[in-house]
């Protein structure tokens, strides 16, 4: 009996010990164990971005650099470089606070310099645009040199100065003269211009009959070139002095009183022929029996008391149409009024 009781107690003790040390079969406890296992995985995933020594979180440098580079603003490349450099060195900076402060200060300086550079470039671009606009505006209102040259024309010619006629119709003025007119709306500098006198038969420039001009001619105004006496005038010429202001005084004359070629040129010529199409010719007048002229034919000839005048003040490049012979005593020159 005792043996049976002791055996029973021993078996009971074994069951009790097994119940205290064995795993539980409760479903809730098993679920908690599974959740704990999942949490362990998540914790491991998060800790993969954590320093193993001190737990400092490490930023993803590549993703941050990429996001900064995508900024499409002036100076963005400079800013991206600065931020990328700061991101790449963040781990080292966290372990060395003084170094991190220095680098942050350097990055701030670079950012400020970058902003200044962008601002300066923007101002420079605006300045260039403004200058370009002003330049374009000026070029639209200015008159070209060639237009200015073509705008100065011969207005009036008299080449019988001082002549005494057998019939008593003597010259009213002692001197020859040519009047220029500026059709432009601005003054023209005549320095380097020349008045050329040529033979009406062959257009050869007459010896010592080139007059160098100087000064300027105002807009819509006249410029008077005084010459010497006309062909055949005596030493004591007839007539009076010119009744208007003279801008240039010279001794030019023509080979004949009634026929001549007179050209206004921006090039000096002392020999050879002078023709309407020559380079530098601003205006060209052939009159009387001249063999060279502008347009369909020469202008009319002029006599002792007649002048050749362009009443319209317009050059159509046709001497026959542009000029007319006027009695100088009956139709005084408009130059007197200026």
Protein backbone atom coordinates (compact mmCIF):
# COMPACT_ATOMS: atom_id res chain seq x y z
CA UNK A 1 0.00 0.00 0.00
CA UNK A 2 2.74 2.38 0.96
CA UNK A 3 4.57 1.56 -2.21
CA UNK A 4 1.50 2.33 -4.29
CA UNK A 5 0.92 5.67 -2.54
CA UNK A 6 4.53 6.76 -3.01
CA UNK A 7 4.36 5.87 -6.70
CA UNK A 8 1.18 7.93 -7.09
CA UNK A 9 2.78 10.99 -5.38
CA UNK A 10 5.83 10.67 -7.54
CA UNK A 11 3.76 10.68 -10.73
CA UNK A 12 1.71 13.66 -9.46
CA UNK A 13 4.90 15.60 -8.80
CA UNK A 14 6.13 14.89 -12.33
CA UNK A 15 2.91 16.21 -13.84
CA UNK A 16 3.05 19.35 -11.72
CA UNK A 17 6.60 20.06 -12.75
CA UNK A 18 5.74 19.52 -16.40
CA UNK A 19 2.76 21.89 -16.13
CA UNK A 20 4.88 24.69 -14.70
CA UNK A 21 7.78 24.53 -17.19
CA UNK A 22 6.04 23.63 -20.53
CA UNK A 23 4.67 26.01 -23.36
CA UNK A 24 1.09 27.26 -23.17
CA UNK A 25 -1.52 26.03 -25.62
CA UNK A 26 -3.61 29.23 -25.31
CA UNK A 27 -4.29 30.80 -28.81
CA UNK A 28 -3.99 34.42 -27.55
CA UNK A 29 -0.58 33.66 -26.13
CA UNK A 30 0.47 32.10 -29.43
CA UNK A 31 -0.75 35.22 -31.35
CA UNK A 32 1.24 37.48 -29.10
CA UNK A 33 4.30 35.46 -29.85
CA UNK A 34 3.73 35.87 -33.61
CA UNK A 35 3.29 39.65 -33.31
CA UNK A 36 6.43 39.84 -31.31
CA UNK A 37 8.22 38.10 -34.15
CA UNK A 38 6.91 40.62 -36.72
CA UNK A 39 7.87 43.53 -34.55
CA UNK A 40 11.32 42.13 -34.43
CA UNK A 41 11.53 42.24 -38.22
CA UNK A 42 10.31 45.86 -38.41
CA UNK A 43 12.71 46.90 -35.71
CA UNK A 44 15.53 45.26 -37.60
CA UNK A 45 14.50 47.10 -40.82
CA UNK A 46 14.45 50.45 -39.10
CA UNK A 47 17.67 49.79 -37.28
CA UNK A 48 19.39 49.17 -40.62
CA UNK A 49 19.48 52.93 -41.01
CA UNK A 50 20.82 53.44 -37.49
CA UNK A 51 24.42 53.61 -36.43
CA UNK A 52 25.24 50.41 -34.43
CA UNK A 53 27.40 52.27 -31.90
CA UNK A 54 25.38 55.28 -30.77
CA UNK A 55 21.96 54.92 -32.48
CA UNK A 56 22.38 58.11 -34.53
CA UNK A 57 20.00 58.17 -37.52
CA UNK A 58 21.78 58.36 -40.87
CA UNK A 59 19.99 60.33 -43.68
CA UNK A 60 19.66 58.92 -47.18
CA UNK A 61 22.20 61.19 -48.96
CA UNK A 62 21.44 60.06 -52.49
CA UNK A 63 17.68 60.64 -52.30
CA UNK A 64 18.16 64.13 -50.81
CA UNK A 65 20.74 65.11 -53.41
CA UNK A 66 18.45 63.94 -56.19
CA UNK A 67 15.55 66.02 -54.88
CA UNK A 68 17.68 69.16 -54.75
CA UNK A 69 19.11 68.69 -58.24
CA UNK A 70 15.61 68.65 -59.71
CA UNK A 71 15.01 72.29 -58.68
CA UNK A 72 14.74 74.30 -61.93
CA UNK A 73 15.56 77.81 -60.73
CA UNK A 74 18.38 80.28 -61.49
CA UNK A 75 21.42 79.17 -59.56
CA UNK A 76 19.85 75.76 -58.75
CA UNK A 77 23.01 73.86 -59.72
CA UNK A 78 25.08 75.84 -57.23
CA UNK A 79 22.46 75.30 -54.49
CA UNK A 80 22.21 71.57 -55.25
CA UNK A 81 25.99 71.18 -55.00
CA UNK A 82 26.06 72.93 -51.63
CA UNK A 83 23.18 70.89 -50.14
CA UNK A 84 24.51 67.60 -51.56
CA UNK A 85 27.91 68.27 -50.05
CA UNK A 86 26.30 69.05 -46.68
CA UNK A 87 24.17 65.85 -46.84
CA UNK A 88 27.11 63.60 -47.75
CA UNK A 89 29.10 64.76 -44.76
CA UNK A 90 26.25 64.74 -42.19
CA UNK A 91 27.41 61.52 -40.44
CA UNK A 92 30.90 62.84 -39.92
CA UNK A 93 29.50 66.18 -38.74
CA UNK A 94 27.29 64.48 -36.11
CA UNK A 95 30.35 62.84 -34.61
CA UNK A 96 32.38 66.08 -34.80
CA UNK A 97 30.15 69.04 -33.72
CA UNK A 98 32.81 71.70 -34.30
CA UNK A 99 33.50 70.42 -37.81
CA UNK A 100 29.74 70.39 -38.52
CA UNK A 101 29.39 74.02 -37.47
CA UNK A 102 32.31 75.05 -39.69
CA UNK A 103 30.84 73.24 -42.68
CA UNK A 104 27.38 74.68 -42.11
CA UNK A 105 28.92 78.15 -41.99
CA UNK A 106 30.82 77.42 -45.22
CA UNK A 107 27.64 76.13 -46.89
CA UNK A 108 25.76 79.26 -45.84
CA UNK A 109 28.54 81.43 -47.29
CA UNK A 110 28.42 79.51 -50.57
CA UNK A 111 24.63 79.83 -50.69
CA UNK A 112 24.87 83.59 -50.13
CA UNK A 113 27.57 83.88 -52.80
CA UNK A 114 25.42 81.84 -55.17
CA UNK A 115 22.42 84.11 -54.60
CA UNK A 116 24.58 87.19 -55.19
CA UNK A 117 25.95 85.65 -58.39
CA UNK A 118 22.43 84.88 -59.64
CA UNK A 119 21.31 88.41 -58.73
CA UNK A 120 24.27 89.94 -60.56
CA UNK A 121 23.62 87.78 -63.64
CA UNK A 122 19.96 88.82 -63.60
CA UNK A 123 20.86 92.50 -63.37
CA UNK A 124 23.43 92.09 -66.15
CA UNK A 125 20.84 90.43 -68.38
CA UNK A 126 18.34 93.20 -67.67
CA UNK A 127 21.01 95.81 -68.42
CA UNK A 128 21.86 94.17 -71.75
CA UNK A 129 18.19 94.02 -72.66
CA UNK A 130 17.78 97.70 -71.79
CA UNK A 131 20.85 98.71 -73.82
CA UNK A 132 19.70 96.56 -76.73
CA UNK A 133 16.25 98.16 -76.59
CA UNK A 134 17.73 101.66 -76.48
CA UNK A 135 20.08 100.82 -79.32
CA UNK A 136 17.20 99.45 -81.39
CA UNK A 137 15.18 102.58 -80.66
CA UNK A 138 18.01 104.87 -81.71
CA UNK A 139 18.74 102.95 -84.89
CA UNK A 140 15.10 103.28 -85.91
CA UNK A 141 15.17 107.12 -85.67
CA UNK A 142 18.62 107.90 -87.08
CA UNK A 143 19.27 108.84 -90.72
CA UNK A 144 22.01 106.92 -92.50
CA UNK A 145 25.02 108.72 -93.95
CA UNK A 146 23.99 107.89 -97.51
CA UNK A 147 20.51 109.34 -96.93
CA UNK A 148 22.01 112.52 -95.55
CA UNK A 149 24.27 112.87 -98.59
CA UNK A 150 21.44 112.42 -101.05
CA UNK A 151 19.40 114.97 -99.10
CA UNK A 152 21.76 117.86 -99.89
CA UNK A 153 20.97 119.24 -103.36
CA UNK A 154 21.96 122.08 -105.69
CA UNK A 155 19.20 124.68 -105.53
CA UNK A 156 20.41 127.61 -107.62
CA UNK A 157 23.20 128.42 -110.13
CA UNK A 158 24.45 131.72 -111.55
CA UNK A 159 27.58 131.79 -113.77
CA UNK A 160 27.55 135.22 -115.50
CA UNK A 161 28.94 137.24 -112.62
CA UNK A 162 30.33 140.68 -113.60
CA UNK A 163 29.64 140.29 -117.30
CA UNK A 164 28.98 143.43 -119.38
CA UNK A 165 26.67 142.92 -122.32
CA UNK A 166 26.98 144.85 -125.57
CA UNK A 167 23.27 145.48 -125.49
CA UNK A 168 23.44 147.00 -122.04
CA UNK A 169 21.90 144.09 -120.17
CA UNK A 170 24.73 143.73 -117.74
CA UNK A 171 25.10 141.21 -114.97
CA UNK A 172 23.24 142.22 -111.78
CA UNK A 173 25.93 140.61 -109.54
CA UNK A 174 29.70 140.75 -109.66
CA UNK A 175 30.23 137.12 -108.71
CA UNK A 176 29.14 133.65 -109.73
CA UNK A 177 27.45 131.56 -107.06
CA UNK A 178 25.92 128.17 -106.33
CA UNK A 179 23.33 127.65 -103.60
CA UNK A 180 22.89 124.29 -101.85
CA UNK A 181 19.77 123.25 -99.95
CA UNK A 182 19.43 120.66 -97.19
CA UNK A 183 16.18 118.69 -97.57
CA UNK A 184 16.89 116.66 -94.41
CA UNK A 185 15.36 117.27 -91.00
CA UNK A 186 18.78 117.58 -89.42
CA UNK A 187 22.00 119.43 -90.11
CA UNK A 188 24.66 117.93 -92.38
CA UNK A 189 28.41 118.36 -91.91
CA UNK A 190 29.95 119.45 -95.23
CA UNK A 191 33.58 118.97 -94.22
CA UNK A 192 35.17 116.77 -96.88
CA UNK A 193 32.61 117.70 -99.57
CA UNK A 194 33.51 119.32 -102.90
CA UNK A 195 31.90 121.38 -105.64
CA UNK A 196 33.20 120.19 -109.01
CA UNK A 197 33.06 122.31 -112.21
CA UNK A 198 33.43 120.37 -115.48
CA UNK A 199 33.62 121.04 -119.22
CA UNK A 200 30.11 120.73 -120.76
CA UNK A 201 31.51 119.07 -123.91
CA UNK A 202 33.33 116.09 -122.36
CA UNK A 203 32.68 116.31 -118.60
CA UNK A 204 36.39 116.74 -117.84
CA UNK A 205 36.98 118.57 -114.57
CA UNK A 206 38.28 122.06 -115.24
CA UNK A 207 41.71 122.89 -113.86
CA UNK A 208 41.61 124.58 -110.44
CA UNK A 209 37.82 124.52 -110.43
CA UNK A 210 37.33 122.21 -107.47
CA UNK A 211 35.99 123.97 -104.36
CA UNK A 212 36.56 122.32 -100.97
CA UNK A 213 33.60 122.87 -98.63
CA UNK A 214 33.56 123.19 -94.86
CA UNK A 215 31.09 123.92 -92.10
CA UNK A 216 27.57 122.55 -91.87
CA UNK A 217 24.23 123.18 -93.50
CA UNK A 218 21.23 123.38 -91.17
CA UNK A 219 18.03 121.42 -91.76
CA UNK A 220 15.83 122.97 -94.47
CA UNK A 221 18.35 125.79 -94.95
CA UNK A 222 20.63 127.13 -97.70
CA UNK A 223 24.41 127.21 -98.09
CA UNK A 224 25.96 129.79 -100.48
CA UNK A 225 29.22 129.19 -102.34
CA UNK A 226 30.52 132.38 -103.92
CA UNK A 227 32.78 132.18 -106.97
CA UNK A 228 34.74 134.59 -109.11
CA UNK A 229 33.58 136.37 -112.28
CA UNK A 230 31.96 134.63 -115.21
CA UNK A 231 33.70 134.04 -118.58
CA UNK A 232 34.37 137.31 -120.46
CA UNK A 233 33.86 139.57 -117.46
CA UNK A 234 36.12 142.66 -117.43
CA UNK A 235 38.56 143.56 -114.70
CA UNK A 236 36.02 146.04 -113.46
CA UNK A 237 32.96 143.77 -113.30
CA UNK A 238 29.42 144.96 -113.56
CA UNK A 239 26.82 144.44 -110.87
CA UNK A 240 26.74 144.55 -107.09
CA UNK A 241 27.82 142.24 -104.34
CA UNK A 242 25.63 139.29 -103.55
CA UNK A 243 22.61 140.42 -101.48
CA UNK A 244 22.72 137.44 -99.11
CA UNK A 245 25.11 135.83 -96.67
CA UNK A 246 27.97 133.80 -98.14
CA UNK A 247 29.21 130.61 -96.46
CA UNK A 248 32.22 129.83 -98.67
CA UNK A 249 34.23 132.27 -100.79
CA UNK A 250 36.13 130.95 -103.82
CA UNK A 251 37.16 131.97 -107.34
CA UNK A 252 35.44 129.26 -109.34
CA UNK A 253 34.25 130.00 -112.86
CA UNK A 254 32.87 128.05 -115.80
CA UNK A 255 34.26 127.50 -119.27
CA UNK A 256 31.11 129.02 -120.78
CA UNK A 257 28.42 131.20 -119.24
CA UNK A 258 25.44 129.35 -120.76
CA UNK A 259 26.66 125.77 -120.53
CA UNK A 260 28.36 123.88 -117.73
CA UNK A 261 28.41 120.83 -115.52
CA UNK A 262 28.35 121.39 -111.78
CA UNK A 263 28.45 118.47 -109.37
CA UNK A 264 28.29 118.13 -105.58
CA UNK A 265 30.52 115.32 -104.37
CA UNK A 266 31.81 113.74 -101.20
CA UNK A 267 35.03 112.79 -103.01
CA UNK A 268 37.75 115.10 -104.22
CA UNK A 269 38.46 115.03 -107.96
CA UNK A 270 41.13 117.11 -109.69
CA UNK A 271 41.21 115.45 -113.10
CA UNK A 272 39.32 113.10 -115.39
CA UNK A 273 35.64 112.97 -116.14
CA UNK A 274 32.90 113.52 -113.60
CA UNK A 275 29.69 111.63 -114.38
CA UNK A 276 26.28 111.37 -112.65
CA UNK A 277 26.81 107.75 -111.59
CA UNK A 278 30.27 108.31 -110.10
CA UNK A 279 30.84 107.22 -106.53
CA UNK A 280 30.32 110.04 -104.05
CA UNK A 281 28.11 112.23 -106.27
CA UNK A 282 25.30 113.77 -104.19
CA UNK A 283 23.85 115.94 -106.99
CA UNK A 284 24.71 116.56 -110.63
CA UNK A 285 23.53 119.35 -112.96
CA UNK A 286 24.26 119.60 -116.65
CA UNK A 287 22.72 122.61 -118.40
CA UNK A 288 22.70 124.33 -121.80
CA UNK A 289 24.48 122.16 -124.36
CA UNK A 290 26.10 119.81 -121.81
CA UNK A 291 26.55 116.26 -123.05
CA UNK A 292 26.21 114.75 -119.56
CA UNK A 293 23.30 115.34 -117.17
CA UNK A 294 20.77 113.60 -114.93
CA UNK A 295 17.61 112.24 -116.50
CA UNK A 296 16.21 112.81 -119.99
CA UNK A 297 18.23 115.89 -120.86
CA UNK A 298 20.13 118.95 -119.63
CA UNK A 299 18.50 121.93 -117.94
CA UNK A 300 17.96 125.12 -119.93
CA UNK A 301 20.86 127.45 -120.63
CA UNK A 302 21.24 130.67 -118.62
CA UNK A 303 22.12 134.16 -119.71
CA UNK A 304 23.53 137.31 -118.16
CA UNK A 305 20.38 138.13 -116.23
CA UNK A 306 19.03 134.61 -115.76
CA UNK A 307 19.69 132.03 -113.12
CA UNK A 308 18.98 128.30 -112.99
CA UNK A 309 16.71 127.47 -110.05
CA UNK A 310 15.11 124.34 -108.63
CA UNK A 311 11.81 125.81 -107.48
CA UNK A 312 10.41 122.58 -106.06
CA UNK A 313 13.40 121.99 -103.74
CA UNK A 314 13.10 118.34 -104.82
CA UNK A 315 15.62 116.21 -106.71
CA UNK A 316 13.95 113.80 -109.16
CA UNK A 317 17.29 113.12 -110.90
CA UNK A 318 16.03 114.80 -114.06
CA UNK A 319 17.79 118.10 -114.81
CA UNK A 320 15.37 119.10 -117.53
CA UNK A 321 12.37 118.80 -115.20
CA UNK A 322 13.91 119.90 -111.91
CA UNK A 323 15.40 123.24 -113.06
CA UNK A 324 14.05 126.29 -114.79
CA UNK A 325 15.70 129.51 -115.98
CA UNK A 326 14.47 132.56 -114.08
CA UNK A 327 15.01 136.28 -114.57
CA UNK A 328 17.03 137.17 -111.53
CA UNK A 329 15.68 140.74 -111.48
CA UNK A 330 12.05 139.65 -111.45
CA UNK A 331 12.29 136.61 -109.19
CA UNK A 332 14.91 137.24 -106.51
CA UNK A 333 16.44 134.21 -104.89
CA UNK A 334 14.70 132.81 -101.83
CA UNK A 335 18.11 132.86 -100.17
CA UNK A 336 17.55 136.58 -99.53
CA UNK A 337 14.83 135.67 -97.06
CA UNK A 338 17.08 133.48 -94.91
